[in-house]
C-alpha cells in the first residue's frame, strides 16, 4: 500500500528537466570556444577516413548542422505551442550576434568570435530560429484547422 502511494505521488509530481529547457545550440558554441582556445590551426586535419579528410572546422560545422536540425524537432509537435522553445533559440542567436559584433569591434577578450567559422555558426543558428518559428506556426495552424473541421 505504501509502495503504490509512493508510485502515485511520483507519477503526479512534475519532472524537472533542466537540460530540456536549455537550447541545444549552446553545445556547438561551447565546442567552438574549446576548439578555438586549444587548437592552433583549426583548418588542420582532425581525422581522415580513406580519401576524406575532415578539419576541425568541418567537424564543428557538421556538429552545428546536426544539432540545429535535431533542435528543430522540439518545435514540430502538432497542436503544441512551442513558441517558448523558438524564443530560447532566438536568445542564443542574438547572444551569438552580440559576441560576433563585439569581437569585430575589436574587444581583445572576444577576438575569437571575429572570424568566418563563428559567422557561419551564427548564420546556421539564425536560420534555425526562422525555421523554428515557421514550423511552430505551421503545426499550430494545422492543428487549429483540424479542430475546426471536427
Protein backbone atom coordinates (compact mmCIF):
# COMPACT_ATOMS: atom_id res chain seq x y z
CA UNK A 1 0.00 0.00 0.00
CA UNK A 2 2.83 2.38 0.82
CA UNK A 3 4.58 1.44 -2.42
CA UNK A 4 1.54 2.23 -4.53
CA UNK A 5 1.09 5.58 -2.75
CA UNK A 6 4.73 6.48 -3.46
CA UNK A 7 4.36 5.41 -7.09
CA UNK A 8 1.21 7.52 -7.46
CA UNK A 9 2.95 10.52 -5.89
CA UNK A 10 5.93 10.09 -8.19
CA UNK A 11 3.68 9.96 -11.25
CA UNK A 12 1.75 13.10 -10.33
CA UNK A 13 4.83 15.13 -9.45
CA UNK A 14 6.05 17.17 -12.43
CA UNK A 15 9.51 16.19 -13.55
CA UNK A 16 12.07 18.92 -13.65
CA UNK A 17 14.33 18.54 -16.62
CA UNK A 18 16.80 21.37 -16.53
CA UNK A 19 18.54 20.49 -19.79
CA UNK A 20 15.22 20.19 -21.63
CA UNK A 21 14.82 23.97 -21.36
CA UNK A 22 18.37 24.84 -22.42
CA UNK A 23 18.75 25.44 -26.17
CA UNK A 24 20.93 22.74 -27.65
CA UNK A 25 22.79 25.11 -29.97
CA UNK A 26 24.83 26.21 -26.97
CA UNK A 27 26.77 22.94 -27.41
CA UNK A 28 28.33 23.89 -30.78
CA UNK A 29 29.15 27.34 -29.39
CA UNK A 30 30.91 25.80 -26.39
CA UNK A 31 32.71 23.35 -28.69
CA UNK A 32 33.77 26.29 -30.85
CA UNK A 33 35.23 28.10 -27.83
CA UNK A 34 37.09 24.98 -26.68
CA UNK A 35 38.49 24.32 -30.16
CA UNK A 36 39.39 27.98 -30.74
CA UNK A 37 41.28 28.16 -27.45
CA UNK A 38 43.02 24.80 -27.68
CA UNK A 39 43.85 24.27 -31.38
CA UNK A 40 46.36 26.49 -33.14
CA UNK A 41 45.23 25.69 -36.70
CA UNK A 42 41.50 24.95 -36.97
CA UNK A 43 41.91 24.09 -40.65
CA UNK A 44 44.33 21.26 -39.86
CA UNK A 45 43.10 17.73 -40.50
CA UNK A 46 41.29 16.34 -37.48
CA UNK A 47 40.81 12.85 -38.90
CA UNK A 48 40.60 11.13 -42.25
CA UNK A 49 38.64 8.15 -43.49
CA UNK A 50 40.01 6.87 -46.77
CA UNK A 51 40.23 9.78 -49.21
CA UNK A 52 38.09 12.03 -47.00
CA UNK A 53 39.90 14.34 -44.58
CA UNK A 54 37.93 16.48 -42.15
CA UNK A 55 39.36 19.51 -40.41
CA UNK A 56 38.29 20.84 -37.02
CA UNK A 57 36.17 23.47 -38.73
CA UNK A 58 34.30 20.96 -40.86
CA UNK A 59 33.59 18.75 -37.85
CA UNK A 60 32.34 21.82 -36.00
CA UNK A 61 30.07 22.73 -38.94
CA UNK A 62 28.67 19.21 -39.17
CA UNK A 63 28.02 19.12 -35.44
CA UNK A 64 26.31 22.53 -35.60
CA UNK A 65 24.12 21.49 -38.54
CA UNK A 66 23.04 18.25 -36.88
CA UNK A 67 22.30 19.96 -33.57
CA UNK A 68 20.26 22.65 -35.36
CA UNK A 69 18.21 20.06 -37.25
CA UNK A 70 17.70 17.98 -34.12
CA UNK A 71 16.62 21.03 -32.17
CA UNK A 72 14.03 21.87 -34.82
CA UNK A 73 12.26 18.67 -33.82
CA UNK A 74 11.44 20.36 -30.49
CA UNK A 75 9.06 22.77 -32.20
CA UNK A 76 7.49 20.26 -34.57
CA UNK A 77 4.85 18.91 -32.18
CA UNK A 78 1.39 19.29 -33.75
CA UNK A 79 -1.07 21.09 -31.53
CA UNK A 80 1.56 22.27 -29.03
CA UNK A 81 2.56 25.92 -28.82
CA UNK A 82 6.36 25.78 -28.75
CA UNK A 83 6.91 29.50 -29.09
CA UNK A 84 8.97 29.49 -25.90
CA UNK A 85 11.37 26.97 -27.44
CA UNK A 86 11.73 29.15 -30.54
CA UNK A 87 12.30 32.21 -28.34
CA UNK A 88 15.08 30.38 -26.49
CA UNK A 89 16.68 29.58 -29.85
CA UNK A 90 16.35 33.27 -30.74
CA UNK A 91 18.07 34.22 -27.49
CA UNK A 92 21.07 32.05 -28.39
CA UNK A 93 21.24 33.54 -31.89
CA UNK A 94 21.10 37.10 -30.51
CA UNK A 95 23.80 36.27 -27.95
CA UNK A 96 25.96 34.88 -30.76
CA UNK A 97 25.35 38.03 -32.82
CA UNK A 98 26.41 40.22 -29.89
CA UNK A 99 29.59 38.15 -29.43
CA UNK A 100 30.38 38.43 -33.15
CA UNK A 101 29.77 42.19 -33.26
CA UNK A 102 31.83 42.83 -30.12
CA UNK A 103 34.61 40.64 -31.50
CA UNK A 104 34.50 42.53 -34.80
CA UNK A 105 34.55 45.83 -32.90
CA UNK A 106 37.97 44.88 -31.57
CA UNK A 107 37.42 43.86 -27.96
CA UNK A 108 40.55 41.85 -27.14
CA UNK A 109 38.71 39.33 -24.97
CA UNK A 110 36.22 38.49 -27.70
CA UNK A 111 38.60 38.30 -30.68
CA UNK A 112 37.99 34.55 -31.03
CA UNK A 113 34.46 35.34 -32.23
CA UNK A 114 35.67 37.58 -35.07
CA UNK A 115 36.15 35.02 -37.85
CA UNK A 116 34.37 33.18 -40.61
CA UNK A 117 33.85 29.99 -38.61
CA UNK A 118 31.82 31.74 -35.93
CA UNK A 119 29.93 33.76 -38.55
CA UNK A 120 28.83 30.54 -40.27
CA UNK A 121 27.68 29.08 -36.94
CA UNK A 122 25.77 32.33 -36.34
CA UNK A 123 24.08 32.03 -39.74
CA UNK A 124 23.12 28.41 -39.01
CA UNK A 125 21.63 29.49 -35.68
CA UNK A 126 19.72 32.39 -37.27
CA UNK A 127 18.36 30.11 -40.00
CA UNK A 128 17.34 27.64 -37.32
CA UNK A 129 15.39 30.36 -35.48
CA UNK A 130 13.49 31.39 -38.62
CA UNK A 131 12.66 27.77 -39.41
CA UNK A 132 11.61 27.13 -35.81
CA UNK A 133 9.05 29.94 -35.94
CA UNK A 134 7.77 28.75 -39.35
CA UNK A 135 7.46 25.13 -38.21
CA UNK A 136 5.79 26.10 -34.94
CA UNK A 137 3.25 28.33 -36.68
CA UNK A 138 2.55 25.73 -39.37
CA UNK A 139 1.92 22.95 -36.83
CA UNK A 140 -0.32 25.24 -34.77
CA UNK A 141 -2.22 26.37 -37.87
CA UNK A 142 -2.71 22.78 -38.99
CA UNK A 143 -3.95 21.66 -35.57
CA UNK A 144 -6.31 24.61 -35.32
CA UNK A 145 -7.66 23.84 -38.79
CA UNK A 146 -8.18 20.19 -37.87
CA UNK A 147 -10.03 21.12 -34.68
CA UNK A 148 -12.40 23.43 -36.60
CA UNK A 149 -13.25 20.67 -39.07
CA UNK A 150 -14.26 18.22 -36.35
